[in-house]
Amino acid sequence: MTPEKAHNERDALKSQIRFHRLMNLVLACTLFGGLFLLSYVVFRDTTRIVPPEVRRPYEIGANYANKDYLADMAGYVLGSILTVTPETAEYNNKLILKMAHPDGYAVLKTALDSAAMRIKQERVTTIWVPRKEEVSEREMRVKVSGKLKTYIADKLTSERDKDYLVEFTVTSSGRLYVSKIEEIVKADSAARAAGQS
């Protein structure tokens, strides 16, 4: 092989290597771009869920849930923990705790367990009748106003207007968690309770 032919062959091999390196770079960029696009679509895609009783469709996405979904889930949560009998209290609490956010699980479990214990010991039955809901989609909060009826031994002992606040957390994958459930105590009823004691 002559030196000139060897030089030409070496140049041809160098150009092939440059071409292959360029193609590897282009393919790597395409692969990473595809992965980025796929992850963007998976985490930003909105899922529409239509319940069996078709009243209104739900929209759930990354860190997002629409007003209808939040309102219905708040109704479900409050109905489960406030419409209870001594026989159903523990079961209903387990359902809600499955939906609890890990950060608020311990506080929620303690509150639900103590309420269930009181309901069992005193043989109390409560019925929650919701009337109005106010949804803050941005803050993922739902304020529900209604009437809580309390029965002891099948006798109505109290019927009070109450307001509850249910806060939710939605993950980047679209999973909804209950982060807080609390009764909203009105200033005038708190003052009356303080005056009676």
N, C-alpha and C. Protein backbone atom coordinates (compact mmCIF):
# COMPACT_ATOMS: atom_id res chain seq x y z
N MET A 1 0.85 -1.16 0.00
CA MET A 1 0.00 0.00 0.00
C MET A 1 0.90 1.23 0.00
N THR A 2 0.57 2.11 -0.88
CA THR A 2 1.37 3.32 -1.00
C THR A 2 1.00 4.30 0.09
N PRO A 3 1.93 5.20 0.48
CA PRO A 3 1.63 6.18 1.52
C PRO A 3 0.45 7.08 1.16
N GLU A 4 0.32 7.41 -0.11
CA GLU A 4 -0.80 8.28 -0.52
C GLU A 4 -2.13 7.57 -0.36
N LYS A 5 -2.16 6.27 -0.73
CA LYS A 5 -3.39 5.49 -0.59
C LYS A 5 -3.74 5.31 0.90
N ALA A 6 -2.72 5.06 1.71
CA ALA A 6 -2.94 4.91 3.15
C ALA A 6 -3.46 6.22 3.75
N HIS A 7 -2.93 7.36 3.29
CA HIS A 7 -3.38 8.66 3.77
C HIS A 7 -4.85 8.90 3.40
N ASN A 8 -5.22 8.54 2.16
CA ASN A 8 -6.62 8.70 1.72
C ASN A 8 -7.56 7.79 2.51
N GLU A 9 -7.07 6.56 2.77
CA GLU A 9 -7.90 5.62 3.52
C GLU A 9 -8.08 6.10 4.97
N ARG A 10 -7.00 6.64 5.56
CA ARG A 10 -7.09 7.17 6.92
C ARG A 10 -8.06 8.36 6.96
N ASP A 11 -8.04 9.22 5.97
CA ASP A 11 -8.99 10.35 5.91
C ASP A 11 -10.42 9.87 5.78
N ALA A 12 -10.61 8.82 4.96
CA ALA A 12 -11.96 8.27 4.79
C ALA A 12 -12.46 7.68 6.11
N LEU A 13 -11.59 6.97 6.85
CA LEU A 13 -11.97 6.40 8.14
C LEU A 13 -12.27 7.49 9.16
N LYS A 14 -11.45 8.57 9.16
CA LYS A 14 -11.70 9.68 10.07
C LYS A 14 -13.05 10.33 9.79
N SER A 15 -13.36 10.49 8.51
CA SER A 15 -14.65 11.11 8.18
C SER A 15 -15.81 10.20 8.56
N GLN A 16 -15.61 8.88 8.43
CA GLN A 16 -16.66 7.95 8.86
C GLN A 16 -16.85 8.03 10.38
N ILE A 17 -15.74 8.10 11.11
CA ILE A 17 -15.83 8.20 12.58
C ILE A 17 -16.53 9.49 12.97
N ARG A 18 -16.20 10.62 12.32
CA ARG A 18 -16.87 11.88 12.61
C ARG A 18 -18.37 11.77 12.32
N PHE A 19 -18.72 11.13 11.21
CA PHE A 19 -20.12 10.95 10.84
C PHE A 19 -20.85 10.11 11.91
N HIS A 20 -20.22 9.01 12.33
CA HIS A 20 -20.85 8.14 13.33
C HIS A 20 -20.98 8.85 14.69
N ARG A 21 -19.98 9.64 15.06
CA ARG A 21 -20.08 10.41 16.30
C ARG A 21 -21.22 11.43 16.23
N LEU A 22 -21.34 12.09 15.09
CA LEU A 22 -22.42 13.06 14.90
C LEU A 22 -23.77 12.35 14.96
N MET A 23 -23.87 11.19 14.32
CA MET A 23 -25.13 10.44 14.34
C MET A 23 -25.47 9.97 15.77
N ASN A 24 -24.45 9.53 16.53
CA ASN A 24 -24.67 9.12 17.92
C ASN A 24 -25.17 10.30 18.75
N LEU A 25 -24.61 11.47 18.53
CA LEU A 25 -25.03 12.67 19.24
C LEU A 25 -26.49 13.02 18.89
N VAL A 26 -26.82 12.97 17.60
CA VAL A 26 -28.19 13.27 17.15
C VAL A 26 -29.16 12.26 17.74
N LEU A 27 -28.80 10.97 17.71
CA LEU A 27 -29.68 9.93 18.26
C LEU A 27 -29.86 10.08 19.78
N ALA A 28 -28.78 10.43 20.48
CA ALA A 28 -28.87 10.63 21.93
C ALA A 28 -29.78 11.82 22.24
N CYS A 29 -29.62 12.92 21.49
CA CYS A 29 -30.48 14.10 21.69
C CYS A 29 -31.94 13.76 21.40
N THR A 30 -32.19 12.97 20.35
CA THR A 30 -33.55 12.56 20.01
C THR A 30 -34.15 11.69 21.11
N LEU A 31 -33.33 10.77 21.63
CA LEU A 31 -33.80 9.90 22.71
C LEU A 31 -34.16 10.71 23.95
N PHE A 32 -33.27 11.61 24.38
CA PHE A 32 -33.55 12.43 25.57
C PHE A 32 -34.73 13.37 25.34
N GLY A 33 -34.84 13.90 24.13
CA GLY A 33 -35.99 14.74 23.80
C GLY A 33 -37.29 13.96 23.87
N GLY A 34 -37.27 12.72 23.36
CA GLY A 34 -38.45 11.85 23.43
C GLY A 34 -38.83 11.51 24.86
N LEU A 35 -37.82 11.21 25.69
CA LEU A 35 -38.08 10.93 27.10
C LEU A 35 -38.66 12.14 27.81
N PHE A 36 -38.13 13.32 27.53
CA PHE A 36 -38.64 14.54 28.13
C PHE A 36 -40.09 14.78 27.72
N LEU A 37 -40.38 14.61 26.43
CA LEU A 37 -41.73 14.80 25.92
C LEU A 37 -42.70 13.79 26.54
N LEU A 38 -42.26 12.55 26.65
CA LEU A 38 -43.10 11.51 27.25
C LEU A 38 -43.40 11.83 28.71
N SER A 39 -42.38 12.22 29.46
CA SER A 39 -42.62 12.55 30.87
C SER A 39 -43.51 13.78 31.00
N TYR A 40 -43.35 14.75 30.12
CA TYR A 40 -44.21 15.94 30.14
C TYR A 40 -45.67 15.55 29.89
N VAL A 41 -45.89 14.68 28.91
CA VAL A 41 -47.26 14.27 28.58
C VAL A 41 -47.86 13.46 29.72
N VAL A 42 -47.07 12.56 30.30
CA VAL A 42 -47.59 11.71 31.38
C VAL A 42 -47.95 12.55 32.60
N PHE A 43 -47.09 13.50 32.98
CA PHE A 43 -47.34 14.27 34.19
C PHE A 43 -48.28 15.45 33.97
N ARG A 44 -48.44 15.92 32.77
CA ARG A 44 -49.31 17.08 32.51
C ARG A 44 -50.63 16.72 31.86
N ASP A 45 -50.82 15.46 31.55
CA ASP A 45 -52.03 15.04 30.87
C ASP A 45 -53.21 15.06 31.85
N THR A 46 -54.32 15.58 31.43
CA THR A 46 -55.53 15.62 32.24
C THR A 46 -56.37 14.39 31.93
N THR A 47 -56.80 13.72 32.99
CA THR A 47 -57.62 12.53 32.84
C THR A 47 -59.06 12.90 33.11
N ARG A 48 -59.96 12.47 32.27
CA ARG A 48 -61.39 12.71 32.50
C ARG A 48 -62.00 11.43 33.04
N ILE A 49 -62.66 11.55 34.18
CA ILE A 49 -63.30 10.41 34.80
C ILE A 49 -64.80 10.70 34.84
N VAL A 50 -65.56 9.77 34.34
CA VAL A 50 -67.01 9.93 34.38
C VAL A 50 -67.54 8.88 35.35
N PRO A 51 -68.18 9.32 36.43
CA PRO A 51 -68.67 8.38 37.44
C PRO A 51 -69.82 7.54 36.89
N PRO A 52 -70.16 6.43 37.58
CA PRO A 52 -71.25 5.57 37.09
C PRO A 52 -72.57 6.33 36.96
N GLU A 53 -72.84 7.19 37.93
CA GLU A 53 -74.01 8.04 37.83
C GLU A 53 -73.54 9.31 37.14
N VAL A 54 -73.86 9.43 35.87
CA VAL A 54 -73.30 10.52 35.08
C VAL A 54 -74.02 11.82 35.40
N ARG A 55 -73.41 12.59 36.29
CA ARG A 55 -73.93 13.91 36.62
C ARG A 55 -73.02 14.98 36.04
N ARG A 56 -71.72 14.77 36.19
CA ARG A 56 -70.76 15.73 35.68
C ARG A 56 -69.39 15.04 35.55
N PRO A 57 -68.65 15.38 34.53
CA PRO A 57 -67.33 14.76 34.36
C PRO A 57 -66.29 15.40 35.27
N TYR A 58 -65.28 14.63 35.61
CA TYR A 58 -64.20 15.11 36.46
C TYR A 58 -62.95 15.31 35.62
N GLU A 59 -62.12 16.26 36.03
CA GLU A 59 -60.82 16.46 35.40
C GLU A 59 -59.76 16.41 36.48
N ILE A 60 -58.79 15.51 36.29
CA ILE A 60 -57.71 15.35 37.24
C ILE A 60 -56.42 15.32 36.45
N GLY A 61 -55.44 16.07 36.91
CA GLY A 61 -54.14 16.09 36.24
C GLY A 61 -53.03 16.27 37.25
N ALA A 62 -51.88 16.64 36.78
CA ALA A 62 -50.73 16.86 37.65
C ALA A 62 -51.00 18.06 38.54
N ASN A 63 -51.09 17.83 39.84
CA ASN A 63 -51.34 18.86 40.84
C ASN A 63 -52.62 19.65 40.55
N TYR A 64 -53.62 18.99 39.97
CA TYR A 64 -54.85 19.69 39.59
C TYR A 64 -56.05 18.75 39.71
N ALA A 65 -57.15 19.29 40.19
CA ALA A 65 -58.44 18.61 40.16
C ALA A 65 -59.49 19.71 40.02
N ASN A 66 -60.51 19.45 39.18
CA ASN A 66 -61.50 20.50 38.96
C ASN A 66 -62.49 20.60 40.12
N LYS A 67 -63.30 21.67 40.10
CA LYS A 67 -64.23 21.97 41.19
C LYS A 67 -65.21 20.83 41.46
N ASP A 68 -65.73 20.25 40.39
CA ASP A 68 -66.73 19.19 40.55
C ASP A 68 -66.15 17.99 41.29
N TYR A 69 -64.94 17.61 40.94
CA TYR A 69 -64.30 16.46 41.58
C TYR A 69 -64.02 16.76 43.06
N LEU A 70 -63.49 17.94 43.33
CA LEU A 70 -63.20 18.31 44.71
C LEU A 70 -64.49 18.35 45.55
N ALA A 71 -65.56 18.92 45.00
CA ALA A 71 -66.83 19.01 45.72
C ALA A 71 -67.39 17.62 46.01
N ASP A 72 -67.38 16.74 45.01
CA ASP A 72 -67.92 15.40 45.21
C ASP A 72 -67.07 14.58 46.18
N MET A 73 -65.75 14.74 46.10
CA MET A 73 -64.89 14.01 47.03
C MET A 73 -65.05 14.53 48.46
N ALA A 74 -65.23 15.83 48.62
CA ALA A 74 -65.48 16.38 49.96
C ALA A 74 -66.80 15.85 50.51
N GLY A 75 -67.81 15.77 49.65
CA GLY A 75 -69.10 15.21 50.06
C GLY A 75 -68.96 13.75 50.48
N TYR A 76 -68.16 13.00 49.73
CA TYR A 76 -67.94 11.59 50.06
C TYR A 76 -67.22 11.45 51.40
N VAL A 77 -66.17 12.25 51.59
CA VAL A 77 -65.37 12.18 52.82
C VAL A 77 -66.24 12.54 54.03
N LEU A 78 -66.93 13.66 53.96
CA LEU A 78 -67.75 14.09 55.09
C LEU A 78 -68.92 13.13 55.34
N GLY A 79 -69.52 12.64 54.26
CA GLY A 79 -70.60 11.66 54.42
C GLY A 79 -70.11 10.40 55.11
N SER A 80 -68.89 9.98 54.79
CA SER A 80 -68.34 8.76 55.39
C SER A 80 -68.02 8.92 56.87
N ILE A 81 -67.51 10.09 57.27
CA ILE A 81 -67.12 10.22 58.68
C ILE A 81 -68.21 10.83 59.55
N LEU A 82 -69.22 11.46 58.96
CA LEU A 82 -70.26 12.10 59.77
C LEU A 82 -71.59 11.35 59.75
N THR A 83 -71.83 10.50 58.77
CA THR A 83 -73.03 9.67 58.77
C THR A 83 -72.59 8.29 59.22
N VAL A 84 -72.64 8.08 60.54
CA VAL A 84 -72.11 6.84 61.11
C VAL A 84 -73.00 6.29 62.21
N THR A 85 -72.85 5.00 62.39
CA THR A 85 -73.46 4.29 63.51
C THR A 85 -72.32 3.62 64.26
N PRO A 86 -72.58 3.09 65.45
CA PRO A 86 -71.50 2.39 66.15
C PRO A 86 -70.93 1.22 65.35
N GLU A 87 -71.75 0.62 64.49
CA GLU A 87 -71.31 -0.52 63.69
C GLU A 87 -70.48 -0.11 62.47
N THR A 88 -70.71 1.08 61.93
CA THR A 88 -70.02 1.48 60.70
C THR A 88 -68.85 2.43 60.92
N ALA A 89 -68.65 2.92 62.12
CA ALA A 89 -67.63 3.94 62.37
C ALA A 89 -66.23 3.50 61.97
N GLU A 90 -65.81 2.31 62.41
CA GLU A 90 -64.45 1.85 62.10
C GLU A 90 -64.25 1.62 60.61
N TYR A 91 -65.23 1.01 59.97
CA TYR A 91 -65.12 0.74 58.53
C TYR A 91 -65.00 2.04 57.74
N ASN A 92 -65.84 3.00 58.06
CA ASN A 92 -65.80 4.29 57.36
C ASN A 92 -64.46 5.00 57.57
N ASN A 93 -63.94 4.91 58.80
CA ASN A 93 -62.64 5.53 59.09
C ASN A 93 -61.53 4.90 58.25
N LYS A 94 -61.57 3.58 58.09
CA LYS A 94 -60.55 2.90 57.27
C LYS A 94 -60.60 3.39 55.83
N LEU A 95 -61.81 3.60 55.31
CA LEU A 95 -61.94 4.10 53.93
C LEU A 95 -61.29 5.47 53.78
N ILE A 96 -61.52 6.34 54.74
CA ILE A 96 -60.97 7.70 54.66
C ILE A 96 -59.46 7.68 54.88
N LEU A 97 -58.98 6.84 55.79
CA LEU A 97 -57.54 6.78 56.05
C LEU A 97 -56.76 6.26 54.85
N LYS A 98 -57.40 5.47 53.99
CA LYS A 98 -56.74 5.03 52.75
C LYS A 98 -56.49 6.22 51.82
N MET A 99 -57.28 7.25 51.98
CA MET A 99 -57.15 8.45 51.14
C MET A 99 -56.29 9.53 51.79
N ALA A 100 -55.86 9.29 53.03
CA ALA A 100 -55.15 10.34 53.79
C ALA A 100 -53.74 10.56 53.26
N HIS A 101 -53.34 11.82 53.24
CA HIS A 101 -51.97 12.17 52.83
C HIS A 101 -51.02 11.72 53.93
N PRO A 102 -49.85 11.18 53.58
CA PRO A 102 -48.90 10.70 54.60
C PRO A 102 -48.53 11.75 55.65
N ASP A 103 -48.44 13.02 55.25
CA ASP A 103 -48.07 14.07 56.21
C ASP A 103 -49.13 14.28 57.29
N GLY A 104 -50.40 14.11 56.95
CA GLY A 104 -51.47 14.35 57.92
C GLY A 104 -52.12 13.08 58.43
N TYR A 105 -51.56 11.92 58.08
CA TYR A 105 -52.17 10.64 58.44
C TYR A 105 -52.32 10.46 59.95
N ALA A 106 -51.26 10.72 60.69
CA ALA A 106 -51.28 10.48 62.14
C ALA A 106 -52.33 11.34 62.84
N VAL A 107 -52.41 12.60 62.50
CA VAL A 107 -53.38 13.51 63.12
C VAL A 107 -54.80 13.07 62.77
N LEU A 108 -55.02 12.73 61.50
CA LEU A 108 -56.35 12.32 61.06
C LEU A 108 -56.74 11.00 61.71
N LYS A 109 -55.82 10.07 61.79
CA LYS A 109 -56.11 8.76 62.41
C LYS A 109 -56.47 8.94 63.88
N THR A 110 -55.74 9.76 64.59
CA THR A 110 -56.02 10.00 66.01
C THR A 110 -57.42 10.58 66.19
N ALA A 111 -57.76 11.58 65.38
CA ALA A 111 -59.08 12.22 65.49
C ALA A 111 -60.20 11.23 65.14
N LEU A 112 -60.03 10.46 64.07
CA LEU A 112 -61.07 9.52 63.66
C LEU A 112 -61.22 8.38 64.67
N ASP A 113 -60.11 7.89 65.20
CA ASP A 113 -60.17 6.81 66.19
C ASP A 113 -60.87 7.25 67.47
N SER A 114 -60.57 8.47 67.93
CA SER A 114 -61.22 8.95 69.16
C SER A 114 -62.71 9.18 68.93
N ALA A 115 -63.09 9.67 67.75
CA ALA A 115 -64.50 9.87 67.44
C ALA A 115 -65.22 8.52 67.37
N ALA A 116 -64.58 7.52 66.76
CA ALA A 116 -65.19 6.18 66.66
C ALA A 116 -65.36 5.56 68.04
N MET A 117 -64.38 5.75 68.91
CA MET A 117 -64.48 5.21 70.27
C MET A 117 -65.65 5.84 71.03
N ARG A 118 -65.79 7.17 70.87
CA ARG A 118 -66.89 7.87 71.55
C ARG A 118 -68.24 7.39 71.01
N ILE A 119 -68.33 7.22 69.69
CA ILE A 119 -69.59 6.76 69.07
C ILE A 119 -69.95 5.37 69.56
N LYS A 120 -68.96 4.50 69.70
CA LYS A 120 -69.24 3.13 70.17
C LYS A 120 -69.62 3.11 71.65
N GLN A 121 -68.90 3.86 72.47
CA GLN A 121 -69.17 3.86 73.91
C GLN A 121 -70.54 4.46 74.22
N GLU A 122 -70.89 5.53 73.56
CA GLU A 122 -72.14 6.22 73.86
C GLU A 122 -73.30 5.75 72.98
N ARG A 123 -73.00 4.81 72.05
CA ARG A 123 -74.02 4.28 71.12
C ARG A 123 -74.72 5.41 70.37
N VAL A 124 -73.91 6.29 69.78
CA VAL A 124 -74.40 7.47 69.07
C VAL A 124 -74.48 7.17 67.58
N THR A 125 -75.51 7.69 66.96
CA THR A 125 -75.64 7.65 65.51
C THR A 125 -75.74 9.09 65.03
N THR A 126 -74.94 9.44 64.02
CA THR A 126 -75.03 10.79 63.47
C THR A 126 -75.36 10.72 61.98
N ILE A 127 -76.08 11.72 61.54
CA ILE A 127 -76.44 11.82 60.12
C ILE A 127 -76.07 13.21 59.64
N TRP A 128 -75.30 13.26 58.56
CA TRP A 128 -74.86 14.53 57.98
C TRP A 128 -75.72 14.84 56.77
N VAL A 129 -76.29 16.04 56.78
CA VAL A 129 -77.12 16.49 55.66
C VAL A 129 -76.47 17.75 55.08
N PRO A 130 -75.70 17.63 54.00
CA PRO A 130 -75.03 18.81 53.43
C PRO A 130 -76.03 19.71 52.71
N ARG A 131 -75.77 21.02 52.76
CA ARG A 131 -76.65 21.97 52.08
C ARG A 131 -75.92 22.79 51.03
N LYS A 132 -74.72 23.26 51.38
CA LYS A 132 -74.02 24.19 50.49
C LYS A 132 -72.53 23.89 50.53
N GLU A 133 -71.89 24.08 49.39
CA GLU A 133 -70.44 23.88 49.33
C GLU A 133 -69.79 25.04 48.61
N GLU A 134 -68.63 25.41 49.09
CA GLU A 134 -67.83 26.45 48.45
C GLU A 134 -66.47 25.84 48.14
N VAL A 135 -66.11 25.84 46.86
CA VAL A 135 -64.88 25.18 46.42
C VAL A 135 -63.84 26.21 46.03
N SER A 136 -62.65 26.07 46.58
CA SER A 136 -61.50 26.86 46.14
C SER A 136 -60.60 25.92 45.36
N GLU A 137 -60.71 25.99 44.04
CA GLU A 137 -59.97 25.07 43.17
C GLU A 137 -58.47 25.27 43.29
N ARG A 138 -58.05 26.52 43.43
CA ARG A 138 -56.62 26.82 43.50
C ARG A 138 -55.99 26.28 44.78
N GLU A 139 -56.69 26.46 45.90
CA GLU A 139 -56.16 26.01 47.19
C GLU A 139 -56.54 24.57 47.50
N MET A 140 -57.38 23.97 46.66
CA MET A 140 -57.88 22.60 46.83
C MET A 140 -58.56 22.42 48.19
N ARG A 141 -59.45 23.36 48.49
CA ARG A 141 -60.22 23.34 49.72
C ARG A 141 -61.70 23.37 49.39
N VAL A 142 -62.47 22.69 50.21
CA VAL A 142 -63.92 22.71 50.06
C VAL A 142 -64.54 22.97 51.43
N LYS A 143 -65.34 24.03 51.51
CA LYS A 143 -66.08 24.33 52.74
C LYS A 143 -67.51 23.84 52.50
N VAL A 144 -67.96 22.97 53.39
CA VAL A 144 -69.31 22.40 53.25
C VAL A 144 -70.12 22.79 54.47
N SER A 145 -71.30 23.35 54.22
CA SER A 145 -72.23 23.71 55.30
C SER A 145 -73.38 22.73 55.27
N GLY A 146 -73.85 22.38 56.45
CA GLY A 146 -74.97 21.45 56.51
C GLY A 146 -75.49 21.31 57.92
N LYS A 147 -76.26 20.26 58.12
CA LYS A 147 -76.88 20.00 59.42
C LYS A 147 -76.43 18.63 59.90
N LEU A 148 -75.98 18.57 61.16
CA LEU A 148 -75.56 17.31 61.76
C LEU A 148 -76.61 16.91 62.80
N LYS A 149 -77.26 15.76 62.54
CA LYS A 149 -78.29 15.25 63.46
C LYS A 149 -77.66 14.14 64.29
N THR A 150 -77.88 14.19 65.59
CA THR A 150 -77.33 13.19 66.51
C THR A 150 -78.46 12.43 67.18
N TYR A 151 -78.35 11.12 67.13
CA TYR A 151 -79.35 10.24 67.75
C TYR A 151 -78.68 9.38 68.80
N ILE A 152 -79.35 9.20 69.92
CA ILE A 152 -78.93 8.23 70.93
C ILE A 152 -80.13 7.34 71.19
N ALA A 153 -79.92 6.05 70.98
CA ALA A 153 -81.00 5.06 71.14
C ALA A 153 -82.22 5.45 70.30
N ASP A 154 -81.98 5.76 69.05
CA ASP A 154 -83.04 6.11 68.09
C ASP A 154 -83.83 7.36 68.45
N LYS A 155 -83.32 8.14 69.36
CA LYS A 155 -83.99 9.39 69.74
C LYS A 155 -83.12 10.56 69.32
N LEU A 156 -83.71 11.50 68.59
CA LEU A 156 -82.98 12.69 68.15
C LEU A 156 -82.62 13.54 69.36
N THR A 157 -81.33 13.73 69.58
CA THR A 157 -80.89 14.51 70.74
C THR A 157 -80.40 15.90 70.35
N SER A 158 -79.91 16.05 69.13
CA SER A 158 -79.49 17.39 68.69
C SER A 158 -79.52 17.48 67.18
N GLU A 159 -79.69 18.70 66.72
CA GLU A 159 -79.71 19.00 65.28
C GLU A 159 -79.06 20.37 65.13
N ARG A 160 -77.80 20.38 64.71
CA ARG A 160 -77.04 21.64 64.67
C ARG A 160 -76.50 21.93 63.28
N ASP A 161 -76.47 23.23 62.96
CA ASP A 161 -75.82 23.66 61.71
C ASP A 161 -74.32 23.64 61.93
N LYS A 162 -73.62 23.08 60.98
CA LYS A 162 -72.16 22.96 61.11
C LYS A 162 -71.52 23.28 59.77
N ASP A 163 -70.27 23.73 59.85
CA ASP A 163 -69.45 23.97 58.66
C ASP A 163 -68.17 23.16 58.81
N TYR A 164 -67.76 22.51 57.73
CA TYR A 164 -66.53 21.73 57.74
C TYR A 164 -65.66 22.14 56.56
N LEU A 165 -64.37 22.02 56.77
CA LEU A 165 -63.39 22.33 55.73
C LEU A 165 -62.62 21.05 55.42
N VAL A 166 -62.59 20.69 54.14
CA VAL A 166 -61.82 19.52 53.70
C VAL A 166 -60.75 20.03 52.75
N GLU A 167 -59.48 19.71 53.06
CA GLU A 167 -58.37 20.10 52.20
C GLU A 167 -57.80 18.87 51.53
N PHE A 168 -57.45 19.04 50.25
CA PHE A 168 -56.91 17.94 49.47
C PHE A 168 -55.51 18.28 48.97
N THR A 169 -54.79 17.24 48.59
CA THR A 169 -53.50 17.37 47.91
C THR A 169 -53.58 16.46 46.69
N VAL A 170 -53.17 16.98 45.54
CA VAL A 170 -53.11 16.17 44.33
C VAL A 170 -51.66 16.08 43.90
N THR A 171 -51.18 14.86 43.69
CA THR A 171 -49.78 14.66 43.33
C THR A 171 -49.55 14.95 41.85
N SER A 172 -48.30 14.92 41.45
CA SER A 172 -47.97 15.17 40.04
C SER A 172 -48.48 14.06 39.13
N SER A 173 -48.78 12.90 39.70
CA SER A 173 -49.35 11.81 38.89
C SER A 173 -50.87 11.85 38.89
N GLY A 174 -51.47 12.82 39.60
CA GLY A 174 -52.92 12.98 39.59
C GLY A 174 -53.64 12.25 40.70
N ARG A 175 -52.92 11.73 41.69
CA ARG A 175 -53.58 11.03 42.80
C ARG A 175 -54.03 12.03 43.86
N LEU A 176 -55.28 11.87 44.31
CA LEU A 176 -55.85 12.79 45.28
C LEU A 176 -55.72 12.22 46.69
N TYR A 177 -55.26 13.05 47.62
CA TYR A 177 -55.15 12.70 49.03
C TYR A 177 -55.96 13.68 49.86
N VAL A 178 -56.50 13.21 50.97
CA VAL A 178 -57.14 14.09 51.95
C VAL A 178 -56.04 14.55 52.89
N SER A 179 -55.82 15.85 52.99
CA SER A 179 -54.75 16.33 53.87
C SER A 179 -55.29 16.86 55.19
N LYS A 180 -56.55 17.33 55.21
CA LYS A 180 -57.09 17.86 56.48
C LYS A 180 -58.61 17.87 56.43
N ILE A 181 -59.21 17.55 57.58
CA ILE A 181 -60.65 17.67 57.77
C ILE A 181 -60.84 18.38 59.10
N GLU A 182 -61.54 19.50 59.08
CA GLU A 182 -61.75 20.20 60.35
C GLU A 182 -63.09 20.90 60.36
N GLU A 183 -63.63 21.01 61.56
CA GLU A 183 -64.86 21.76 61.74
C GLU A 183 -64.52 23.23 61.84
N ILE A 184 -65.29 24.06 61.17
CA ILE A 184 -65.10 25.51 61.26
C ILE A 184 -66.02 26.00 62.36
N VAL A 185 -65.40 26.47 63.43
CA VAL A 185 -66.18 26.95 64.58
C VAL A 185 -66.42 28.43 64.38
N LYS A 186 -67.70 28.80 64.39
CA LYS A 186 -68.05 30.21 64.21
C LYS A 186 -67.75 30.97 65.49
N ALA A 187 -67.39 32.24 65.34
CA ALA A 187 -66.99 33.08 66.49
C ALA A 187 -68.11 33.21 67.52
N ASP A 188 -69.36 33.40 67.09
CA ASP A 188 -70.45 33.59 68.04
C ASP A 188 -70.78 32.31 68.81
N SER A 189 -70.69 31.15 68.14
CA SER A 189 -70.95 29.89 68.87
C SER A 189 -69.82 29.55 69.80
N ALA A 190 -68.58 29.94 69.45
CA ALA A 190 -67.44 29.73 70.35
C ALA A 190 -67.57 30.61 71.58
N ALA A 191 -68.05 31.85 71.38
CA ALA A 191 -68.23 32.77 72.51
C ALA A 191 -69.35 32.26 73.43
N ARG A 192 -70.44 31.72 72.85
CA ARG A 192 -71.53 31.18 73.65
C ARG A 192 -71.06 29.98 74.46
N ALA A 193 -70.24 29.10 73.82
CA ALA A 193 -69.73 27.93 74.52
C ALA A 193 -68.81 28.35 75.67
N ALA A 194 -68.02 29.38 75.47
CA ALA A 194 -67.13 29.87 76.52
C ALA A 194 -67.94 30.50 77.65
N GLY A 195 -69.04 31.17 77.32
CA GLY A 195 -69.88 31.83 78.32
C GLY A 195 -70.64 30.82 79.16
N GLN A 196 -70.97 29.64 78.59
CA GLN A 196 -71.70 28.60 79.33
C GLN A 196 -70.81 27.88 80.32
N SER A 197 -69.51 27.84 80.05
CA SER A 197 -68.61 27.08 80.93
C SER A 197 -68.03 27.91 82.04
